[in-house]
């Protein structure tokens, strides 16, 4: 009986996983089981770091805002500014506020004068 070649679906699946590991070295780019493990780990790390990146940028914006606020004596604290913004129902996110605080401080003073009255 002649030998049959089987598993075309599995071969396609392995070929797809091999494309993930194109830049790896050694067994990490040749062995299917190792490629599967590395791919799972890489995708998990990518997801974790996307979430962490959002957190880090938010921390950066808050730090920048707080520094500009304290340096220029606009408010005493960052928390006071955010509280007053919410109280007045001004919809400005932290990214926009940080950009304004760094690039154009007059905008921050304008917001401050609006919140005062």
Protein backbone atom coordinates (compact mmCIF):
# COMPACT_ATOMS: atom_id res chain seq x y z
CA UNK A 1 0.00 0.00 0.00
CA UNK A 2 1.39 3.40 -0.88
CA UNK A 3 2.03 5.95 1.83
CA UNK A 4 -0.57 8.74 1.95
CA UNK A 5 0.25 12.31 2.80
CA UNK A 6 -2.27 13.61 5.25
CA UNK A 7 -2.98 16.61 7.38
CA UNK A 8 -3.32 19.43 4.85
CA UNK A 9 -5.31 21.47 7.38
CA UNK A 10 -2.67 20.98 10.05
CA UNK A 11 0.06 21.89 7.57
CA UNK A 12 -1.76 25.12 6.70
CA UNK A 13 -2.15 25.91 10.39
CA UNK A 14 1.55 25.31 11.03
CA UNK A 15 2.52 27.40 8.00
CA UNK A 16 0.41 30.26 9.35
CA UNK A 17 2.14 29.98 12.71
CA UNK A 18 5.53 29.90 10.97
CA UNK A 19 4.76 33.33 9.52
CA UNK A 20 4.48 34.66 13.10
CA UNK A 21 7.96 33.38 13.92
CA UNK A 22 9.73 34.70 10.85
CA UNK A 23 12.18 36.83 12.81
CA UNK A 24 13.01 34.28 15.52
CA UNK A 25 16.28 32.37 15.79
CA UNK A 26 17.02 28.69 16.17
CA UNK A 27 14.26 26.33 17.27
CA UNK A 28 11.95 29.29 17.80
CA UNK A 29 11.63 29.63 14.04
CA UNK A 30 11.65 25.96 12.98
CA UNK A 31 9.89 23.71 15.50
CA UNK A 32 6.09 23.89 15.45
CA UNK A 33 5.57 23.29 19.15
CA UNK A 34 8.09 25.93 20.18
CA UNK A 35 6.62 28.38 17.65
CA UNK A 36 3.15 27.80 19.12
CA UNK A 37 4.41 28.50 22.63
CA UNK A 38 6.32 31.61 21.58
CA UNK A 39 3.37 32.93 19.57
CA UNK A 40 1.02 32.50 22.53
CA UNK A 41 3.49 34.26 24.81
CA UNK A 42 4.07 37.09 22.32
CA UNK A 43 0.35 37.72 21.81
CA UNK A 44 -0.25 37.71 25.57
CA UNK A 45 2.62 40.18 26.09
CA UNK A 46 1.33 42.42 23.31
CA UNK A 47 -2.13 42.55 24.89
CA UNK A 48 -0.72 43.23 28.36
CA UNK A 49 1.55 45.99 27.07
CA UNK A 50 -1.24 47.70 25.13
CA UNK A 51 -3.18 47.99 28.38
CA UNK A 52 -0.06 49.11 30.24
CA UNK A 53 0.69 51.74 27.59
CA UNK A 54 -2.68 53.40 28.17
CA UNK A 55 -1.97 53.47 31.90
CA UNK A 56 1.52 54.91 31.42
CA UNK A 57 0.39 57.67 29.11
CA UNK A 58 -2.38 58.69 31.50
CA UNK A 59 0.19 58.89 34.32
CA UNK A 60 2.45 60.99 32.10
CA UNK A 61 -0.33 63.46 31.26
CA UNK A 62 -1.31 63.79 34.91
CA UNK A 63 2.31 64.40 35.94
CA UNK A 64 2.79 67.04 33.24
CA UNK A 65 -0.42 68.80 34.20
CA UNK A 66 0.39 68.77 37.88
CA UNK A 67 3.88 70.15 37.22
CA UNK A 68 2.63 73.06 35.11
CA UNK A 69 -0.19 73.81 37.54
CA UNK A 70 2.09 73.95 40.58
CA UNK A 71 4.88 75.83 38.78
CA UNK A 72 2.62 78.57 37.43
CA UNK A 73 0.33 78.69 40.49
CA UNK A 74 -2.81 78.22 38.43
CA UNK A 75 -4.32 75.87 40.99
CA UNK A 76 -2.86 74.45 44.16
CA UNK A 77 -3.24 70.86 43.01
CA UNK A 78 -4.10 68.80 39.97
CA UNK A 79 -7.04 67.24 41.81
CA UNK A 80 -8.58 70.67 42.37
CA UNK A 81 -8.43 71.44 38.65
CA UNK A 82 -10.08 68.15 37.69
CA UNK A 83 -12.74 68.58 40.38
CA UNK A 84 -13.60 72.08 39.15
CA UNK A 85 -13.71 70.91 35.53
CA UNK A 86 -16.20 68.19 36.40
CA UNK A 87 -18.21 70.59 38.55
CA UNK A 88 -18.52 73.02 35.62
CA UNK A 89 -19.16 70.09 33.22
CA UNK A 90 -16.25 71.00 30.94
CA UNK A 91 -15.40 67.95 28.88
CA UNK A 92 -11.61 68.05 28.51
CA UNK A 93 -9.61 64.89 28.83
CA UNK A 94 -6.19 64.74 30.43
CA UNK A 95 -4.37 64.39 27.13
CA UNK A 96 -5.88 67.62 25.79
CA UNK A 97 -5.19 69.46 29.03
CA UNK A 98 -1.56 68.30 29.10
CA UNK A 99 -1.05 69.42 25.49
CA UNK A 100 -2.51 72.84 26.27
CA UNK A 101 -0.47 73.18 29.44
CA UNK A 102 2.79 72.51 27.58
CA UNK A 103 2.22 74.22 24.24
CA UNK A 104 0.06 77.21 25.19
CA UNK A 105 -0.21 78.17 28.84
CA UNK A 106 -2.63 81.01 28.03
CA UNK A 107 -5.33 78.41 27.30
CA UNK A 108 -4.86 77.01 30.79
CA UNK A 109 -5.19 80.52 32.27
CA UNK A 110 -8.36 81.04 30.24
CA UNK A 111 -9.83 77.82 31.62
CA UNK A 112 -8.77 78.88 35.10
CA UNK A 113 -10.48 82.25 34.78
CA UNK A 114 -13.64 80.53 33.50
CA UNK A 115 -13.67 78.15 36.46
CA UNK A 116 -13.16 80.97 38.94
CA UNK A 117 -16.41 82.69 38.08
